[in-house]
C-alpha atoms as a PDB file:
ATOM      1  CA  MET A   1      84.787 110.735  88.060  1.00  0.00           C
ATOM      2  CA  ASN A   2      81.637 108.667  88.467  1.00  0.00           C
ATOM      3  CA  PRO A   3      80.870 108.481  92.236  1.00  0.00           C
ATOM      4  CA  LEU A   4      80.003 104.786  91.781  1.00  0.00           C
ATOM      5  CA  ILE A   5      83.715 104.379  90.995  1.00  0.00           C
ATOM      6  CA  SER A   6      85.460 107.097  93.014  1.00  0.00           C
ATOM      7  CA  LEU A   7      83.766 106.473  96.368  1.00  0.00           C
ATOM      8  CA  PRO A   8      84.427 102.709  96.604  1.00  0.00           C
ATOM      9  CA  ALA A   9      87.986 103.262  95.333  1.00  0.00           C
ATOM     10  CA  ALA A  10      88.688 105.988  97.918  1.00  0.00           C
ATOM     11  CA  PHE A  11      87.261 103.894 100.754  1.00  0.00           C
ATOM     12  CA  GLY A  12      89.113 100.764  99.635  1.00  0.00           C
ATOM     13  CA  ALA A  13      92.424 102.604  99.290  1.00  0.00           C
ATOM     14  CA  SER A  14      92.110 104.166 102.744  1.00  0.00           C
ATOM     15  CA  LEU A  15      91.240 100.824 104.350  1.00  0.00           C
ATOM     16  CA  LEU A  16      94.024  98.960 102.552  1.00  0.00           C
ATOM     17  CA  GLY A  17      96.519 101.662 103.471  1.00  0.00           C
ATOM     18  CA  LEU A  18      95.622 101.365 107.151  1.00  0.00           C
ATOM     19  CA  LEU A  19      95.836  97.583 107.051  1.00  0.00           C
ATOM     20  CA  HIS A  20      99.174  97.667 105.232  1.00  0.00           C
ATOM     21  CA  ARG A  21     100.749  99.910 107.848  1.00  0.00           C
ATOM     22  CA  SER A  22      99.836  97.378 110.538  1.00  0.00           C
ATOM     23  CA  TRP A  23     101.163  94.251 108.760  1.00  0.00           C
ATOM     24  CA  GLU A  24     104.444  92.486 109.483  1.00  0.00           C
ATOM     25  CA  VAL A  25     105.631  91.708 105.924  1.00  0.00           C
ATOM     26  CA  LYS A  26     108.153  89.093 104.820  1.00  0.00           C
ATOM     27  CA  THR A  27     109.237  88.754 101.187  1.00  0.00           C
ATOM     28  CA  THR A  28     110.850  85.844  99.336  1.00  0.00           C
ATOM     29  CA  GLY A  29     112.383  86.116  95.866  1.00  0.00           C
ATOM     30  CA  LEU A  30     111.798  89.851  95.457  1.00  0.00           C
ATOM     31  CA  GLU A  31     115.341  90.095  94.071  1.00  0.00           C
ATOM     32  CA  ARG A  32     114.159  88.063  91.072  1.00  0.00           C
ATOM     33  CA  LEU A  33     111.805  90.871  90.108  1.00  0.00           C
ATOM     34  CA  ASP A  34     114.446  93.539  90.639  1.00  0.00           C
ATOM     35  CA  ASP A  35     117.068  91.565  88.668  1.00  0.00           C
ATOM     36  CA  LEU A  36     114.752  91.150  85.671  1.00  0.00           C
ATOM     37  CA  LEU A  37     113.819  94.828  85.682  1.00  0.00           C
ATOM     38  CA  GLY A  38     117.485  95.755  86.015  1.00  0.00           C
ATOM     39  CA  GLN A  39     118.204  93.736  82.875  1.00  0.00           C
ATOM     40  CA  GLY A  40     115.559  95.723  81.009  1.00  0.00           C
ATOM     41  CA  LYS A  41     113.335  92.690  80.423  1.00  0.00           C
ATOM     42  CA  PRO A  42     109.559  93.194  80.206  1.00  0.00           C
ATOM     43  CA  VAL A  43     108.063  91.298  83.145  1.00  0.00           C
ATOM     44  CA  LEU A  44     104.532  90.062  83.688  1.00  0.00           C
ATOM     45  CA  VAL A  45     103.881  89.240  87.357  1.00  0.00           C
ATOM     46  CA  ILE A  46     101.033  86.748  87.665  1.00  0.00           C
ATOM     47  CA  PHE A  47      99.036  85.675  90.720  1.00  0.00           C
ATOM     48  CA  TRP A  48      95.698  84.062  91.442  1.00  0.00           C
ATOM     49  CA  HIS A  49      92.637  86.318  91.411  1.00  0.00           C
ATOM     50  CA  GLY A  50      91.871  85.719  95.080  1.00  0.00           C
ATOM     51  CA  LYS A  51      95.292  87.056  96.087  1.00  0.00           C
ATOM     52  CA  TYR A  52      95.264  90.440  94.361  1.00  0.00           C
ATOM     53  CA  LEU A  53      93.886  92.786  97.032  1.00  0.00           C
ATOM     54  CA  PRO A  54      96.927  93.034  99.390  1.00  0.00           C
ATOM     55  CA  LEU A  55      99.282  93.294  96.410  1.00  0.00           C
ATOM     56  CA  PHE A  56      98.156  96.856  95.657  1.00  0.00           C
ATOM     57  CA  PRO A  57      99.916  98.279  98.744  1.00  0.00           C
ATOM     58  CA  LEU A  58     102.642  95.596  98.884  1.00  0.00           C
ATOM     59  CA  LEU A  59     103.929  96.611  95.437  1.00  0.00           C
ATOM     60  CA  GLN A  60     103.232 100.299  95.929  1.00  0.00           C
ATOM     61  CA  GLY A  61     105.664 102.627  94.189  1.00  0.00           C
ATOM     62  CA  ARG A  62     106.762 100.131  91.532  1.00  0.00           C
ATOM     63  CA  GLY A  63     104.400 101.583  88.932  1.00  0.00           C
ATOM     64  CA  ALA A  64     103.064  98.287  87.651  1.00  0.00           C
ATOM     65  CA  CYS A  65     100.600  98.147  84.767  1.00  0.00           C
ATOM     66  CA  VAL A  66      97.526  96.364  86.095  1.00  0.00           C
ATOM     67  CA  PHE A  67      94.777  94.886  83.921  1.00  0.00           C
ATOM     68  CA  ALA A  68      91.076  94.601  84.690  1.00  0.00           C
ATOM     69  CA  SER A  69      87.950  93.650  82.775  1.00  0.00           C
ATOM     70  CA  GLN A  70      85.816  96.234  80.976  1.00  0.00           C
ATOM     71  CA  SER A  71      83.069  96.568  83.605  1.00  0.00           C
ATOM     72  CA  LEU A  72      82.035  98.765  86.530  1.00  0.00           C
ATOM     73  CA  ARG A  73      83.924  96.443  88.850  1.00  0.00           C
ATOM     74  CA  GLY A  74      86.969  96.650  86.592  1.00  0.00           C
ATOM     75  CA  GLU A  75      86.842 100.457  86.629  1.00  0.00           C
ATOM     76  CA  ILE A  76      86.713 100.438  90.444  1.00  0.00           C
ATOM     77  CA  ILE A  77      89.778  98.159  90.523  1.00  0.00           C
ATOM     78  CA  CYS A  78      91.562 100.537  88.138  1.00  0.00           C
ATOM     79  CA  ALA A  79      90.746 103.564  90.297  1.00  0.00           C
ATOM     80  CA  LEU A  80      91.928 101.687  93.394  1.00  0.00           C
ATOM     81  CA  CYS A  81      95.246 100.632  91.884  1.00  0.00           C
ATOM     82  CA  ARG A  82      95.967 104.173  90.651  1.00  0.00           C
ATOM     83  CA  ARG A  83      95.752 105.371  94.254  1.00  0.00           C
ATOM     84  CA  PHE A  84      98.732 103.108  94.981  1.00  0.00           C
ATOM     85  CA  GLY A  85     100.793 104.479  92.101  1.00  0.00           C
ATOM     86  CA  HIS A  86     100.038 101.829  89.481  1.00  0.00           C
ATOM     87  CA  HIS A  87      98.759 102.218  85.925  1.00  0.00           C
ATOM     88  CA  CYS A  88      95.598 100.399  84.886  1.00  0.00           C
ATOM     89  CA  PHE A  89      94.162  99.232  81.584  1.00  0.00           C
ATOM     90  CA  THR A  90      90.860  97.499  80.916  1.00  0.00           C
ATOM     91  CA  LEU A  91      90.671  94.523  78.569  1.00  0.00           C
ATOM     92  CA  ASP A  92      87.829  93.049  76.549  1.00  0.00           C
ATOM     93  CA  GLU A  93      88.271  89.309  77.043  1.00  0.00           C
ATOM     94  CA  GLN A  94      86.255  88.557  73.939  1.00  0.00           C
ATOM     95  CA  ILE A  95      88.547  90.437  71.538  1.00  0.00           C
ATOM     96  CA  ALA A  96      92.028  88.911  71.635  1.00  0.00           C
ATOM     97  CA  PHE A  97      93.724  91.301  69.194  1.00  0.00           C
ATOM     98  CA  GLN A  98      92.575  94.304  71.230  1.00  0.00           C
ATOM     99  CA  SER A  99      94.012  92.700  74.364  1.00  0.00           C
ATOM    100  CA  LEU A 100      97.333  92.199  72.587  1.00  0.00           C
ATOM    101  CA  ALA A 101      97.374  95.838  71.454  1.00  0.00           C
ATOM    102  CA  THR A 102      96.547  97.020  74.982  1.00  0.00           C
ATOM    103  CA  LEU A 103      99.346  94.911  76.460  1.00  0.00           C
ATOM    104  CA  ARG A 104     101.822  96.389  73.967  1.00  0.00           C
ATOM    105  CA  GLN A 105     100.651  99.899  74.866  1.00  0.00           C
ATOM    106  CA  ALA A 106     100.986  99.184  78.585  1.00  0.00           C
ATOM    107  CA  LEU A 107     104.480  97.759  78.311  1.00  0.00           C
ATOM    108  CA  ALA A 108     105.588 100.806  76.350  1.00  0.00           C
ATOM    109  CA  ARG A 109     104.783 102.825  79.486  1.00  0.00           C
ATOM    110  CA  SER A 110     106.275 100.454  82.023  1.00  0.00           C
ATOM    111  CA  PRO A 111     108.343  97.244  81.789  1.00  0.00           C
ATOM    112  CA  LEU A 112     106.379  95.799  84.733  1.00  0.00           C
ATOM    113  CA  ALA A 113     102.849  94.484  84.296  1.00  0.00           C
ATOM    114  CA  ALA A 114     100.535  92.357  86.428  1.00  0.00           C
ATOM    115  CA  LEU A 115      97.708  90.019  85.442  1.00  0.00           C
ATOM    116  CA  VAL A 116      95.532  87.323  87.022  1.00  0.00           C
ATOM    117  CA  PRO A 117      95.513  84.177  84.833  1.00  0.00           C
ATOM    118  CA  ASP A 118      92.259  82.825  86.304  1.00  0.00           C
ATOM    119  CA  GLY A 119      90.355  86.116  86.186  1.00  0.00           C
ATOM    120  CA  PRO A 120      88.021  87.787  86.044  1.00  0.00           C
ATOM    121  CA  ARG A 121      85.437  85.017  86.573  1.00  0.00           C
ATOM    122  CA  GLY A 122      87.415  81.764  86.845  1.00  0.00           C
ATOM    123  CA  PRO A 123      87.553  78.811  86.789  1.00  0.00           C
ATOM    124  CA  TYR A 124      89.344  78.831  90.132  1.00  0.00           C
ATOM    125  CA  HIS A 125      93.138  78.418  89.833  1.00  0.00           C
ATOM    126  CA  GLN A 126      93.027  77.567  86.134  1.00  0.00           C
ATOM    127  CA  VAL A 127      95.402  79.306  83.702  1.00  0.00           C
ATOM    128  CA  LYS A 128      93.818  80.418  80.442  1.00  0.00           C
ATOM    129  CA  PRO A 129      95.803  79.364  77.342  1.00  0.00           C
ATOM    130  CA  GLY A 130      95.217  82.811  75.829  1.00  0.00           C
ATOM    131  CA  LEU A 131      97.537  84.289  78.448  1.00  0.00           C
ATOM    132  CA  ILE A 132     100.272  81.863  77.391  1.00  0.00           C
ATOM    133  CA  ARG A 133      99.873  82.855  73.735  1.00  0.00           C
ATOM    134  CA  LEU A 134     100.017  86.591  74.572  1.00  0.00           C
ATOM    135  CA  CYS A 135     103.187  86.152  76.623  1.00  0.00           C
ATOM    136  CA  GLY A 136     104.860  84.234  73.824  1.00  0.00           C
ATOM    137  CA  GLU A 137     103.890  86.825  71.223  1.00  0.00           C
ATOM    138  CA  LEU A 138     105.190  89.710  73.361  1.00  0.00           C
ATOM    139  CA  CYS A 139     108.335  87.895  74.585  1.00  0.00           C
ATOM    140  CA  LEU A 140     107.340  88.523  78.203  1.00  0.00           C
ATOM    141  CA  THR A 141     109.050  86.929  81.172  1.00  0.00           C
ATOM    142  CA  LEU A 142     106.418  85.448  83.465  1.00  0.00           C
ATOM    143  CA  LEU A 143     107.093  85.808  87.189  1.00  0.00           C
ATOM    144  CA  PRO A 144     104.689  83.803  89.399  1.00  0.00           C
ATOM    145  CA  ALA A 145     103.842  85.372  92.746  1.00  0.00           C
ATOM    146  CA  SER A 146     101.634  84.705  95.739  1.00  0.00           C
ATOM    147  CA  VAL A 147     100.752  86.334  99.030  1.00  0.00           C
ATOM    148  CA  THR A 148      99.200  84.878 102.146  1.00  0.00           C
ATOM    149  CA  ALA A 149      98.745  85.930 105.749  1.00  0.00           C
ATOM    150  CA  HIS A 150      97.981  84.815 109.261  1.00  0.00           C
ATOM    151  CA  PRO A 151      95.412  85.587 110.420  1.00  0.00           C
ATOM    152  CA  ARG A 152      93.374  86.318 107.310  1.00  0.00           C
ATOM    153  CA  LEU A 153      89.783  86.537 106.163  1.00  0.00           C
ATOM    154  CA  VAL A 154      88.840  84.114 103.373  1.00  0.00           C
ATOM    155  CA  LEU A 155      85.686  85.075 101.458  1.00  0.00           C
ATOM    156  CA  LYS A 156      84.474  81.536 100.771  1.00  0.00           C
ATOM    157  CA  HIS A 157      81.260  82.705  99.111  1.00  0.00           C
ATOM    158  CA  ARG A 158      83.263  84.177  96.210  1.00  0.00           C
ATOM    159  CA  TRP A 159      84.422  81.984  93.328  1.00  0.00           C
ATOM    160  CA  ASP A 160      88.045  83.134  93.847  1.00  0.00           C
ATOM    161  CA  ARG A 161      87.994  82.666  97.662  1.00  0.00           C
ATOM    162  CA  MET A 162      89.548  86.106  98.079  1.00  0.00           C
ATOM    163  CA  GLU A 163      91.974  86.479 100.999  1.00  0.00           C
ATOM    164  CA  VAL A 164      92.302  89.663 103.064  1.00  0.00           C
ATOM    165  CA  PRO A 165      94.923  89.884 105.840  1.00  0.00           C
ATOM    166  CA  TRP A 166      93.565  90.989 109.204  1.00  0.00           C
ATOM    167  CA  PRO A 167      95.049  94.016 110.986  1.00  0.00           C
ATOM    168  CA  TYR A 168      98.496  93.280 112.448  1.00  0.00           C
ATOM    169  CA  ALA A 169      98.712  90.036 110.471  1.00  0.00           C
ATOM    170  CA  ARG A 170     101.950  88.388 109.446  1.00  0.00           C
ATOM    171  CA  VAL A 171     101.992  88.706 105.642  1.00  0.00           C
ATOM    172  CA  SER A 172     104.210  86.674 103.316  1.00  0.00           C
ATOM    173  CA  LEU A 173     104.882  87.658  99.688  1.00  0.00           C
ATOM    174  CA  ALA A 174     106.772  85.176  97.504  1.00  0.00           C
ATOM    175  CA  PHE A 175     108.047  85.254  93.911  1.00  0.00           C
ATOM    176  CA  GLY A 176     108.811  82.021  92.077  1.00  0.00           C
ATOM    177  CA  ALA A 177     111.315  81.300  89.337  1.00  0.00           C
ATOM    178  CA  PRO A 178     110.815  83.258  86.082  1.00  0.00           C
ATOM    179  CA  LEU A 179     109.373  81.476  83.046  1.00  0.00           C
ATOM    180  CA  GLU A 180     110.130  82.206  79.385  1.00  0.00           C
ATOM    181  CA  ILE A 181     107.238  81.296  77.063  1.00  0.00           C
ATOM    182  CA  PRO A 182     108.176  80.211  73.496  1.00  0.00           C
ATOM    183  CA  ARG A 183     106.478  81.801  70.495  1.00  0.00           C
ATOM    184  CA  ASP A 184     104.127  80.112  68.006  1.00  0.00           C
ATOM    185  CA  LEU A 185     102.976  77.304  70.274  1.00  0.00           C
ATOM    186  CA  ASP A 186     100.459  74.779  68.947  1.00  0.00           C
ATOM    187  CA  HIS A 187      97.369  73.842  70.959  1.00  0.00           C
ATOM    188  CA  PRO A 188      98.886  70.894  72.883  1.00  0.00           C
ATOM    189  CA  SER A 189     101.922  73.025  73.758  1.00  0.00           C
ATOM    190  CA  LEU A 190      99.681  75.855  74.972  1.00  0.00           C
ATOM    191  CA  GLN A 191      97.891  73.422  77.274  1.00  0.00           C
ATOM    192  CA  MET A 192     101.215  72.058  78.525  1.00  0.00           C
ATOM    193  CA  TRP A 193     102.524  75.542  79.321  1.00  0.00           C
ATOM    194  CA  ALA A 194      99.230  76.511  80.986  1.00  0.00           C
ATOM    195  CA  GLU A 195      99.638  73.542  83.335  1.00  0.00           C
ATOM    196  CA  ARG A 196     103.282  74.413  83.946  1.00  0.00           C
ATOM    197  CA  VAL A 197     102.346  77.979  84.880  1.00  0.00           C
ATOM    198  CA  ARG A 198      99.573  76.702  87.169  1.00  0.00           C
ATOM    199  CA  GLU A 199     102.083  74.487  88.970  1.00  0.00           C
ATOM    200  CA  ALA A 200     104.491  77.424  89.322  1.00  0.00           C
ATOM    201  CA  LEU A 201     101.756  79.548  90.915  1.00  0.00           C
ATOM    202  CA  GLU A 202     100.823  76.772  93.323  1.00  0.00           C
ATOM    203  CA  ALA A 203     104.513  76.413  94.240  1.00  0.00           C
ATOM    204  CA  ALA A 204     104.772  80.172  94.921  1.00  0.00           C
ATOM    205  CA  ASP A 205     101.696  79.901  97.135  1.00  0.00           C
ATOM    206  CA  ALA A 206     103.256  77.027  99.085  1.00  0.00           C
ATOM    207  CA  GLN A 207     106.470  79.025  99.434  1.00  0.00           C
ATOM    208  CA  ALA A 208     104.607  82.040 100.799  1.00  0.00           C
ATOM    209  CA  SER A 209     102.743  79.827 103.281  1.00  0.00           C
ATOM    210  CA  ALA A 210     105.968  78.161 104.438  1.00  0.00           C
ATOM    211  CA  ARG A 211     107.382  81.543 105.591  1.00  0.00           C
ATOM    212  CA  LEU A 212     104.498  81.820 108.079  1.00  0.00           C
ATOM    213  CA  GLU A 213     105.144  78.470 109.767  1.00  0.00           C
END
């Protein structure tokens, strides 16, 4: 493997693993994920881009299909997530039909997938309508999720304001109510569902924060 990919991935996985072992973790709504998987439904867990880093170890062992952009950074993310037992696929944002084909391929391997609706470059906390269309076409159940911690480092210079829990932090992971996206939505309906999904993600974030109070 290219050392520009393998070395950062190995370092990141080791650091995340050490941090994870020190965290005090609380979960809310995890049974929603397990119930959906038990029913054999394909599930797409969604979360804001700035929240993704601690989710690699928090969901370790569940074999989620993770998606990243076709770039050096995306390849590093893929190598990192594989070290925590997840599958990874890269997507070309500019070619929608290829993204759809890749999602189908991923879900054939695992009924659990994960995607950031405001990634990979923003805008911050805005859901792209293309995600809504893909979920409708593939009959996916959307499961909003969020994670937060105290204390945590917030990288304010990044567009996504990435959050990293400090060692020995209290970490809260929350899953919201599942959402079923209809097929063949027109443009106004896509925008309406994008806003509804955004609100569901913000609610999951508030729920995760409430467990730390």
